[in-house]
Structure formats: structure tokens, C-alpha cells
PDB file of N, CA and C in Angstrom:
ATOM      1  N   MET A   1      89.328 -84.794 -80.567  1.00  0.00           N
ATOM      2  CA  MET A   1      90.397 -84.330 -80.146  1.00  0.00           C
ATOM      3  C   MET A   1      92.053 -85.273 -80.553  1.00  0.00           C
ATOM      4  N   ALA A   2      91.275 -86.998 -81.224  1.00  0.00           N
ATOM      5  CA  ALA A   2      91.772 -87.354 -81.931  1.00  0.00           C
ATOM      6  C   ALA A   2      93.131 -87.332 -82.858  1.00  0.00           C
ATOM      7  N   PRO A   3      91.991 -85.789 -83.735  1.00  0.00           N
ATOM      8  CA  PRO A   3      93.047 -85.607 -85.085  1.00  0.00           C
ATOM      9  C   PRO A   3      94.006 -84.638 -84.946  1.00  0.00           C
ATOM     10  N   VAL A   4      93.515 -83.955 -83.664  1.00  0.00           N
ATOM     11  CA  VAL A   4      94.600 -83.155 -83.213  1.00  0.00           C
ATOM     12  C   VAL A   4      96.049 -83.420 -82.431  1.00  0.00           C
ATOM     13  N   ARG A   5      95.665 -84.288 -81.839  1.00  0.00           N
ATOM     14  CA  ARG A   5      96.615 -85.180 -81.146  1.00  0.00           C
ATOM     15  C   ARG A   5      97.368 -85.694 -82.360  1.00  0.00           C
ATOM     16  N   LEU A   6      96.761 -86.282 -82.931  1.00  0.00           N
ATOM     17  CA  LEU A   6      97.387 -87.172 -84.421  1.00  0.00           C
ATOM     18  C   LEU A   6      98.941 -85.684 -84.776  1.00  0.00           C
ATOM     19  N   HIS A   7      97.977 -84.508 -85.391  1.00  0.00           N
ATOM     20  CA  HIS A   7      98.758 -83.228 -85.656  1.00  0.00           C
ATOM     21  C   HIS A   7      99.468 -82.441 -85.255  1.00  0.00           C
ATOM     22  N   VAL A   8      99.368 -82.650 -83.513  1.00  0.00           N
ATOM     23  CA  VAL A   8     100.438 -82.203 -82.909  1.00  0.00           C
ATOM     24  C   VAL A   8     101.618 -83.180 -82.947  1.00  0.00           C
ATOM     25  N   GLU A   9     101.711 -84.339 -82.411  1.00  0.00           N
ATOM     26  CA  GLU A   9     102.275 -85.555 -82.778  1.00  0.00           C
ATOM     27  C   GLU A   9     103.209 -84.998 -83.921  1.00  0.00           C
ATOM     28  N   ALA A  10     103.071 -84.977 -85.174  1.00  0.00           N
ATOM     29  CA  ALA A  10     103.448 -85.668 -86.350  1.00  0.00           C
ATOM     30  C   ALA A  10     104.782 -84.205 -86.491  1.00  0.00           C
ATOM     31  N   LEU A  11     104.163 -82.257 -86.500  1.00  0.00           N
ATOM     32  CA  LEU A  11     104.604 -81.342 -86.238  1.00  0.00           C
ATOM     33  C   LEU A  11     105.667 -81.926 -84.944  1.00  0.00           C
ATOM     34  N   LEU A  12     105.671 -82.259 -84.217  1.00  0.00           N
ATOM     35  CA  LEU A  12     106.812 -82.032 -82.900  1.00  0.00           C
ATOM     36  C   LEU A  12     107.829 -83.365 -83.817  1.00  0.00           C
ATOM     37  N   GLU A  13     107.635 -84.422 -84.100  1.00  0.00           N
ATOM     38  CA  GLU A  13     108.424 -85.093 -84.255  1.00  0.00           C
ATOM     39  C   GLU A  13     109.165 -84.773 -85.743  1.00  0.00           C
ATOM     40  N   ARG A  14     108.587 -84.073 -86.860  1.00  0.00           N
ATOM     41  CA  ARG A  14     108.865 -83.419 -88.304  1.00  0.00           C
ATOM     42  C   ARG A  14     110.080 -82.233 -87.990  1.00  0.00           C
ATOM     43  N   ALA A  15     109.945 -81.673 -86.170  1.00  0.00           N
ATOM     44  CA  ALA A  15     110.794 -80.325 -85.941  1.00  0.00           C
ATOM     45  C   ALA A  15     111.923 -81.836 -85.537  1.00  0.00           C
ATOM     46  N   VAL A  16     111.717 -82.766 -84.677  1.00  0.00           N
ATOM     47  CA  VAL A  16     112.920 -83.432 -84.344  1.00  0.00           C
ATOM     48  C   VAL A  16     113.671 -83.667 -85.249  1.00  0.00           C
ATOM     49  N   ALA A  17     113.394 -84.313 -86.773  1.00  0.00           N
ATOM     50  CA  ALA A  17     113.838 -85.689 -87.460  1.00  0.00           C
ATOM     51  C   ALA A  17     114.601 -83.785 -88.159  1.00  0.00           C
ATOM     52  N   LYS A  18     113.972 -82.688 -87.693  1.00  0.00           N
ATOM     53  CA  LYS A  18     115.098 -81.130 -88.183  1.00  0.00           C
ATOM     54  C   LYS A  18     116.250 -81.185 -88.257  1.00  0.00           C
ATOM     55  N   ASP A  19     116.679 -81.493 -87.333  1.00  0.00           N
ATOM     56  CA  ASP A  19     117.885 -81.524 -86.066  1.00  0.00           C
ATOM     57  C   ASP A  19     118.219 -79.955 -86.239  1.00  0.00           C
ATOM     58  N   ILE A  20     117.329 -78.968 -85.551  1.00  0.00           N
ATOM     59  CA  ILE A  20     116.950 -77.650 -85.617  1.00  0.00           C
ATOM     60  C   ILE A  20     117.917 -77.149 -83.700  1.00  0.00           C
ATOM     61  N   LYS A  21     118.837 -76.409 -83.526  1.00  0.00           N
ATOM     62  CA  LYS A  21     119.246 -76.418 -82.632  1.00  0.00           C
ATOM     63  C   LYS A  21     118.932 -75.084 -81.742  1.00  0.00           C
ATOM     64  N   GLY A  22     118.070 -75.876 -80.293  1.00  0.00           N
ATOM     65  CA  GLY A  22     117.482 -74.548 -80.008  1.00  0.00           C
ATOM     66  C   GLY A  22     116.116 -75.552 -79.655  1.00  0.00           C
ATOM     67  N   LEU A  23     115.482 -75.930 -80.813  1.00  0.00           N
ATOM     68  CA  LEU A  23     114.203 -76.069 -81.293  1.00  0.00           C
ATOM     69  C   LEU A  23     113.980 -77.718 -80.752  1.00  0.00           C
ATOM     70  N   SER A  24     114.767 -78.430 -81.619  1.00  0.00           N
ATOM     71  CA  SER A  24     114.792 -79.876 -81.849  1.00  0.00           C
ATOM     72  C   SER A  24     114.775 -81.114 -80.302  1.00  0.00           C
ATOM     73  N   GLY A  25     115.817 -80.365 -79.659  1.00  0.00           N
ATOM     74  CA  GLY A  25     115.268 -81.113 -78.233  1.00  0.00           C
ATOM     75  C   GLY A  25     114.225 -80.709 -77.153  1.00  0.00           C
ATOM     76  N   SER A  26     114.068 -79.338 -77.857  1.00  0.00           N
ATOM     77  CA  SER A  26     112.205 -78.996 -76.551  1.00  0.00           C
ATOM     78  C   SER A  26     111.224 -80.541 -77.096  1.00  0.00           C
ATOM     79  N   CYS A  27     111.476 -80.174 -78.695  1.00  0.00           N
ATOM     80  CA  CYS A  27     110.578 -81.238 -79.255  1.00  0.00           C
ATOM     81  C   CYS A  27     110.224 -82.500 -78.583  1.00  0.00           C
ATOM     82  N   GLU A  28     111.581 -83.310 -78.115  1.00  0.00           N
ATOM     83  CA  GLU A  28     111.783 -84.616 -78.042  1.00  0.00           C
ATOM     84  C   GLU A  28     111.688 -84.338 -76.940  1.00  0.00           C
ATOM     85  N   ASP A  29     112.087 -83.770 -76.042  1.00  0.00           N
ATOM     86  CA  ASP A  29     111.161 -84.051 -74.905  1.00  0.00           C
ATOM     87  C   ASP A  29     109.762 -83.797 -74.011  1.00  0.00           C
ATOM     88  N   ILE A  30     109.310 -83.039 -74.963  1.00  0.00           N
ATOM     89  CA  ILE A  30     107.879 -82.966 -74.640  1.00  0.00           C
ATOM     90  C   ILE A  30     107.154 -84.177 -75.332  1.00  0.00           C
ATOM     91  N   LEU A  31     107.709 -84.964 -76.990  1.00  0.00           N
ATOM     92  CA  LEU A  31     107.565 -86.165 -77.281  1.00  0.00           C
ATOM     93  C   LEU A  31     107.831 -86.969 -75.973  1.00  0.00           C
ATOM     94  N   GLU A  32     108.830 -87.165 -75.423  1.00  0.00           N
ATOM     95  CA  GLU A  32     108.792 -88.105 -74.180  1.00  0.00           C
ATOM     96  C   GLU A  32     107.783 -87.866 -73.188  1.00  0.00           C
ATOM     97  N   HIS A  33     107.018 -87.061 -73.315  1.00  0.00           N
ATOM     98  CA  HIS A  33     105.753 -86.984 -72.079  1.00  0.00           C
ATOM     99  C   HIS A  33     105.100 -86.664 -72.558  1.00  0.00           C
ATOM    100  N   ARG A  34     104.513 -87.587 -74.134  1.00  0.00           N
ATOM    101  CA  ARG A  34     103.267 -87.192 -74.296  1.00  0.00           C
ATOM    102  C   ARG A  34     101.870 -87.747 -73.850  1.00  0.00           C
ATOM    103  N   GLU A  35     102.450 -88.379 -73.347  1.00  0.00           N
ATOM    104  CA  GLU A  35     100.743 -89.529 -72.117  1.00  0.00           C
ATOM    105  C   GLU A  35     100.905 -88.124 -71.470  1.00  0.00           C
ATOM    106  N   ALA A  36     101.150 -87.415 -70.827  1.00  0.00           N
ATOM    107  CA  ALA A  36     101.065 -86.341 -69.929  1.00  0.00           C
ATOM    108  C   ALA A  36     101.016 -85.085 -70.295  1.00  0.00           C
ATOM    109  N   LEU A  37     101.209 -85.298 -71.554  1.00  0.00           N
ATOM    110  CA  LEU A  37     100.666 -83.551 -73.015  1.00  0.00           C
ATOM    111  C   LEU A  37      99.218 -83.457 -72.778  1.00  0.00           C
ATOM    112  N   TRP A  38      99.136 -85.079 -72.521  1.00  0.00           N
ATOM    113  CA  TRP A  38      96.825 -84.470 -73.543  1.00  0.00           C
ATOM    114  C   TRP A  38      96.314 -84.568 -71.836  1.00  0.00           C
ATOM    115  N   THR A  39      96.901 -85.476 -70.341  1.00  0.00           N
ATOM    116  CA  THR A  39      95.861 -85.711 -69.794  1.00  0.00           C
ATOM    117  C   THR A  39      94.765 -84.724 -69.789  1.00  0.00           C
ATOM    118  N   PHE A  40      94.886 -83.798 -69.747  1.00  0.00           N
ATOM    119  CA  PHE A  40      93.358 -83.141 -69.318  1.00  0.00           C
ATOM    120  C   PHE A  40      92.781 -83.486 -70.950  1.00  0.00           C
ATOM    121  N   VAL A  41      92.891 -83.911 -71.569  1.00  0.00           N
ATOM    122  CA  VAL A  41      91.836 -84.529 -72.464  1.00  0.00           C
ATOM    123  C   VAL A  41      91.090 -85.581 -72.169  1.00  0.00           C
ATOM    124  N   GLU A  42      91.640 -86.640 -71.131  1.00  0.00           N
ATOM    125  CA  GLU A  42      90.908 -88.026 -70.295  1.00  0.00           C
ATOM    126  C   GLU A  42      90.729 -87.314 -69.211  1.00  0.00           C
ATOM    127  N   ARG A  43      91.263 -86.886 -68.902  1.00  0.00           N
ATOM    128  CA  ARG A  43      90.661 -86.628 -66.774  1.00  0.00           C
ATOM    129  C   ARG A  43      89.603 -85.306 -66.609  1.00  0.00           C
ATOM    130  N   ALA A  44      89.162 -85.223 -66.134  1.00  0.00           N
ATOM    131  CA  ALA A  44      88.186 -83.760 -66.068  1.00  0.00           C
ATOM    132  C   ALA A  44      88.497 -82.862 -64.725  1.00  0.00           C
ATOM    133  N   GLY A  45      88.532 -81.797 -65.468  1.00  0.00           N
ATOM    134  CA  GLY A  45      89.176 -80.832 -64.483  1.00  0.00           C
ATOM    135  C   GLY A  45      90.489 -80.763 -64.369  1.00  0.00           C
ATOM    136  N   VAL A  46      90.871 -81.147 -65.867  1.00  0.00           N
ATOM    137  CA  VAL A  46      92.341 -81.130 -65.774  1.00  0.00           C
ATOM    138  C   VAL A  46      92.802 -79.933 -66.753  1.00  0.00           C
ATOM    139  N   GLU A  47      93.228 -78.679 -66.178  1.00  0.00           N
ATOM    140  CA  GLU A  47      93.407 -77.926 -67.248  1.00  0.00           C
ATOM    141  C   GLU A  47      94.305 -77.941 -68.263  1.00  0.00           C
ATOM    142  N   PRO A  48      94.157 -77.069 -69.366  1.00  0.00           N
ATOM    143  CA  PRO A  48      94.582 -77.497 -70.816  1.00  0.00           C
ATOM    144  C   PRO A  48      95.786 -76.514 -70.505  1.00  0.00           C
ATOM    145  N   THR A  49      96.645 -75.451 -69.429  1.00  0.00           N
ATOM    146  CA  THR A  49      97.398 -75.130 -69.144  1.00  0.00           C
ATOM    147  C   THR A  49      98.075 -74.928 -67.976  1.00  0.00           C
ATOM    148  N   ASN A  50      99.276 -73.907 -67.392  1.00  0.00           N
ATOM    149  CA  ASN A  50      99.824 -74.315 -66.387  1.00  0.00           C
ATOM    150  C   ASN A  50      99.994 -73.274 -65.898  1.00  0.00           C
ATOM    151  N   ASN A  51      98.553 -72.186 -65.360  1.00  0.00           N
ATOM    152  CA  ASN A  51      98.828 -71.137 -65.420  1.00  0.00           C
ATOM    153  C   ASN A  51      98.334 -71.449 -63.977  1.00  0.00           C
ATOM    154  N   HIS A  52      97.720 -72.460 -63.387  1.00  0.00           N
ATOM    155  CA  HIS A  52      97.732 -72.142 -61.856  1.00  0.00           C
ATOM    156  C   HIS A  52      98.827 -72.198 -60.875  1.00  0.00           C
ATOM    157  N   ALA A  53      99.759 -73.364 -61.837  1.00  0.00           N
ATOM    158  CA  ALA A  53     101.023 -73.294 -60.792  1.00  0.00           C
ATOM    159  C   ALA A  53     101.528 -72.431 -61.512  1.00  0.00           C
ATOM    160  N   GLU A  54     101.488 -71.567 -62.453  1.00  0.00           N
ATOM    161  CA  GLU A  54     102.362 -70.107 -62.069  1.00  0.00           C
ATOM    162  C   GLU A  54     101.619 -68.895 -61.495  1.00  0.00           C
ATOM    163  N   ARG A  55     100.796 -69.204 -61.617  1.00  0.00           N
ATOM    164  CA  ARG A  55     100.149 -67.806 -60.454  1.00  0.00           C
ATOM    165  C   ARG A  55     100.611 -67.959 -58.214  1.00  0.00           C
ATOM    166  N   GLU A  56     100.242 -69.476 -58.015  1.00  0.00           N
ATOM    167  CA  GLU A  56     101.054 -69.479 -57.477  1.00  0.00           C
ATOM    168  C   GLU A  56     101.583 -68.510 -56.597  1.00  0.00           C
ATOM    169  N   PRO A  57     103.449 -69.141 -56.775  1.00  0.00           N
ATOM    170  CA  PRO A  57     104.526 -68.466 -55.928  1.00  0.00           C
ATOM    171  C   PRO A  57     104.186 -67.016 -56.731  1.00  0.00           C
ATOM    172  N   ARG A  58     103.513 -65.798 -57.487  1.00  0.00           N
ATOM    173  CA  ARG A  58     103.086 -64.549 -58.161  1.00  0.00           C
ATOM    174  C   ARG A  58     103.331 -64.331 -56.489  1.00  0.00           C
ATOM    175  N   ALA A  59     102.935 -63.751 -55.456  1.00  0.00           N
ATOM    176  CA  ALA A  59     102.637 -62.818 -54.917  1.00  0.00           C
ATOM    177  C   ALA A  59     103.784 -63.032 -53.917  1.00  0.00           C
ATOM    178  N   PHE A  60     104.948 -64.131 -53.623  1.00  0.00           N
ATOM    179  CA  PHE A  60     106.282 -63.728 -52.903  1.00  0.00           C
ATOM    180  C   PHE A  60     106.715 -63.126 -54.573  1.00  0.00           C
ATOM    181  N   VAL A  61     106.856 -63.611 -55.093  1.00  0.00           N
ATOM    182  CA  VAL A  61     107.605 -63.265 -56.685  1.00  0.00           C
ATOM    183  C   VAL A  61     108.196 -61.721 -56.698  1.00  0.00           C
ATOM    184  N   LEU A  62     106.545 -61.539 -56.522  1.00  0.00           N
ATOM    185  CA  LEU A  62     106.637 -59.293 -56.340  1.00  0.00           C
ATOM    186  C   LEU A  62     106.566 -58.825 -55.147  1.00  0.00           C
ATOM    187  N   TRP A  63     106.555 -59.980 -54.125  1.00  0.00           N
ATOM    188  CA  TRP A  63     107.570 -58.949 -52.475  1.00  0.00           C
ATOM    189  C   TRP A  63     108.601 -59.342 -52.536  1.00  0.00           C
ATOM    190  N   ARG A  64     109.203 -60.684 -53.348  1.00  0.00           N
ATOM    191  CA  ARG A  64     110.357 -60.142 -53.162  1.00  0.00           C
ATOM    192  C   ARG A  64     111.481 -59.443 -54.458  1.00  0.00           C
ATOM    193  N   ARG A  65     110.339 -58.753 -55.278  1.00  0.00           N
ATOM    194  CA  ARG A  65     111.120 -57.961 -56.289  1.00  0.00           C
ATOM    195  C   ARG A  65     111.017 -56.747 -55.641  1.00  0.00           C
ATOM    196  N   ARG A  66     110.088 -55.813 -55.315  1.00  0.00           N
ATOM    197  CA  ARG A  66     109.292 -55.020 -53.884  1.00  0.00           C
ATOM    198  C   ARG A  66     110.407 -54.984 -52.680  1.00  0.00           C
ATOM    199  N   SER A  67     111.097 -55.930 -52.659  1.00  0.00           N
ATOM    200  CA  SER A  67     112.010 -55.747 -51.545  1.00  0.00           C
ATOM    201  C   SER A  67     113.285 -56.042 -51.721  1.00  0.00           C
ATOM    202  N   PHE A  68     113.643 -55.981 -52.909  1.00  0.00           N
ATOM    203  CA  PHE A  68     114.933 -56.462 -53.906  1.00  0.00           C
ATOM    204  C   PHE A  68     114.988 -57.664 -52.571  1.00  0.00           C
ATOM    205  N   GLY A  69     115.217 -58.548 -52.603  1.00  0.00           N
ATOM    206  CA  GLY A  69     115.605 -60.267 -52.270  1.00  0.00           C
ATOM    207  C   GLY A  69     116.011 -60.031 -50.939  1.00  0.00           C
ATOM    208  N   SER A  70     116.722 -61.070 -50.086  1.00  0.00           N
ATOM    209  CA  SER A  70     116.618 -61.150 -48.863  1.00  0.00           C
ATOM    210  C   SER A  70     119.184 -61.249 -49.116  1.00  0.00           C
ATOM    211  N   GLN A  71     119.463 -60.477 -48.084  1.00  0.00           N
ATOM    212  CA  GLN A  71     120.926 -59.459 -48.828  1.00  0.00           C
ATOM    213  C   GLN A  71     121.744 -60.722 -47.870  1.00  0.00           C
ATOM    214  N   SER A  72     120.842 -61.959 -46.743  1.00  0.00           N
ATOM    215  CA  SER A  72     121.255 -62.099 -46.069  1.00  0.00           C
ATOM    216  C   SER A  72     121.081 -63.856 -45.206  1.00  0.00           C
ATOM    217  N   GLU A  73     121.481 -65.005 -44.979  1.00  0.00           N
ATOM    218  CA  GLU A  73     121.096 -65.895 -44.540  1.00  0.00           C
ATOM    219  C   GLU A  73     119.640 -66.042 -43.755  1.00  0.00           C
ATOM    220  N   ARG A  74     119.654 -64.956 -42.387  1.00  0.00           N
ATOM    221  CA  ARG A  74     118.231 -64.756 -42.010  1.00  0.00           C
ATOM    222  C   ARG A  74     117.861 -64.312 -42.432  1.00  0.00           C
ATOM    223  N   GLY A  75     117.540 -63.721 -43.662  1.00  0.00           N
ATOM    224  CA  GLY A  75     117.191 -62.874 -44.531  1.00  0.00           C
ATOM    225  C   GLY A  75     116.088 -64.335 -44.695  1.00  0.00           C
ATOM    226  N   ASP A  76     116.973 -64.970 -45.481  1.00  0.00           N
ATOM    227  CA  ASP A  76     116.652 -65.414 -46.576  1.00  0.00           C
ATOM    228  C   ASP A  76     115.730 -66.914 -45.853  1.00  0.00           C
ATOM    229  N   ARG A  77     116.246 -66.915 -44.441  1.00  0.00           N
ATOM    230  CA  ARG A  77     114.906 -67.879 -43.706  1.00  0.00           C
ATOM    231  C   ARG A  77     113.646 -67.123 -43.621  1.00  0.00           C
ATOM    232  N   PHE A  78     113.763 -66.002 -42.939  1.00  0.00           N
ATOM    233  CA  PHE A  78     112.858 -65.443 -42.776  1.00  0.00           C
ATOM    234  C   PHE A  78     111.659 -65.037 -44.134  1.00  0.00           C
ATOM    235  N   ALA A  79     112.289 -64.897 -45.092  1.00  0.00           N
ATOM    236  CA  ALA A  79     111.177 -65.406 -46.621  1.00  0.00           C
ATOM    237  C   ALA A  79     110.530 -66.771 -46.521  1.00  0.00           C
ATOM    238  N   GLU A  80     111.269 -67.533 -46.016  1.00  0.00           N
ATOM    239  CA  GLU A  80     111.312 -69.202 -46.463  1.00  0.00           C
ATOM    240  C   GLU A  80     109.779 -69.024 -45.894  1.00  0.00           C
ATOM    241  N   ARG A  81     110.279 -68.126 -44.466  1.00  0.00           N
ATOM    242  CA  ARG A  81     108.709 -68.329 -43.050  1.00  0.00           C
ATOM    243  C   ARG A  81     107.657 -67.935 -42.994  1.00  0.00           C
ATOM    244  N   ILE A  82     107.120 -66.839 -43.596  1.00  0.00           N
ATOM    245  CA  ILE A  82     106.224 -65.423 -44.326  1.00  0.00           C
ATOM    246  C   ILE A  82     105.457 -66.403 -45.032  1.00  0.00           C
ATOM    247  N   VAL A  83     105.926 -66.941 -46.127  1.00  0.00           N
ATOM    248  CA  VAL A  83     105.011 -67.942 -47.224  1.00  0.00           C
ATOM    249  C   VAL A  83     105.521 -69.006 -46.838  1.00  0.00           C
ATOM    250  N   GLU A  84     103.289 -68.373 -46.891  1.00  0.00           N
ATOM    251  CA  GLU A  84     102.923 -69.917 -46.157  1.00  0.00           C
ATOM    252  C   GLU A  84     102.499 -71.212 -47.718  1.00  0.00           C
ATOM    253  N   PRO A  85     103.252 -72.120 -47.146  1.00  0.00           N
ATOM    254  CA  PRO A  85     102.738 -72.830 -48.312  1.00  0.00           C
ATOM    255  C   PRO A  85     101.163 -73.612 -48.604  1.00  0.00           C
ATOM    256  N   ARG A  86     100.985 -73.816 -49.513  1.00  0.00           N
ATOM    257  CA  ARG A  86      99.855 -73.760 -49.723  1.00  0.00           C
ATOM    258  C   ARG A  86      99.471 -75.269 -49.760  1.00  0.00           C
ATOM    259  N   THR A  87      97.970 -76.063 -49.207  1.00  0.00           N
ATOM    260  CA  THR A  87      97.779 -77.408 -49.545  1.00  0.00           C
ATOM    261  C   THR A  87      96.735 -77.497 -50.545  1.00  0.00           C
ATOM    262  N   GLY A  88      96.755 -77.928 -51.618  1.00  0.00           N
ATOM    263  CA  GLY A  88      95.152 -78.386 -51.906  1.00  0.00           C
ATOM    264  C   GLY A  88      94.357 -77.301 -52.482  1.00  0.00           C
ATOM    265  N   SER A  89      93.663 -77.871 -53.593  1.00  0.00           N
ATOM    266  CA  SER A  89      92.761 -76.381 -54.577  1.00  0.00           C
ATOM    267  C   SER A  89      92.099 -77.483 -54.636  1.00  0.00           C
TER     268      SER A  89
END
């Protein structure tokens, strides 16, 4: 993965240097967290995607969409309470 890492980081640095609106800043943000970007290579069990984090709130999001969300503070509290926080995985 070392050659891939070097190539990806070089592309990100090129994008930052080009100063392209909407792109360069995002690339700079990624480079600020470059060590975290490659955690999946160095640690077993770490997925290279955020699919797990995206799936966690999915059931609640779909429920909220079907029910058109909440129209009151009381409804907000109800929604908070029915969503069980998940711990560990």
C-alpha cells in the first residue's frame, strides 16, 4: 500500500496547490488527517469505508421520512426515546 499511499497523497497535494474552489479545501482537510486516512491499512478489523457508520442511523432516518418527522417538542422527545442507542459492535 505504500506506493498507493504516496500516489494518493501526491494527488491531494496537487489539488491543494491548484487552489480550485470547492476542491482544494476538501483535499487540505483530508491531508490534515492523513494518518487517520490510512488506519485501515495498519489496524486489523478497521474497514476502509464508513458504511457501518452510515448504516447505524438508517432505520431511524427512514422512519422519520415516512412519518414526516416531528411537529412539536413533545414529538422530538418521543423520537429521541424510541431510538435505542447501540453500543459496541
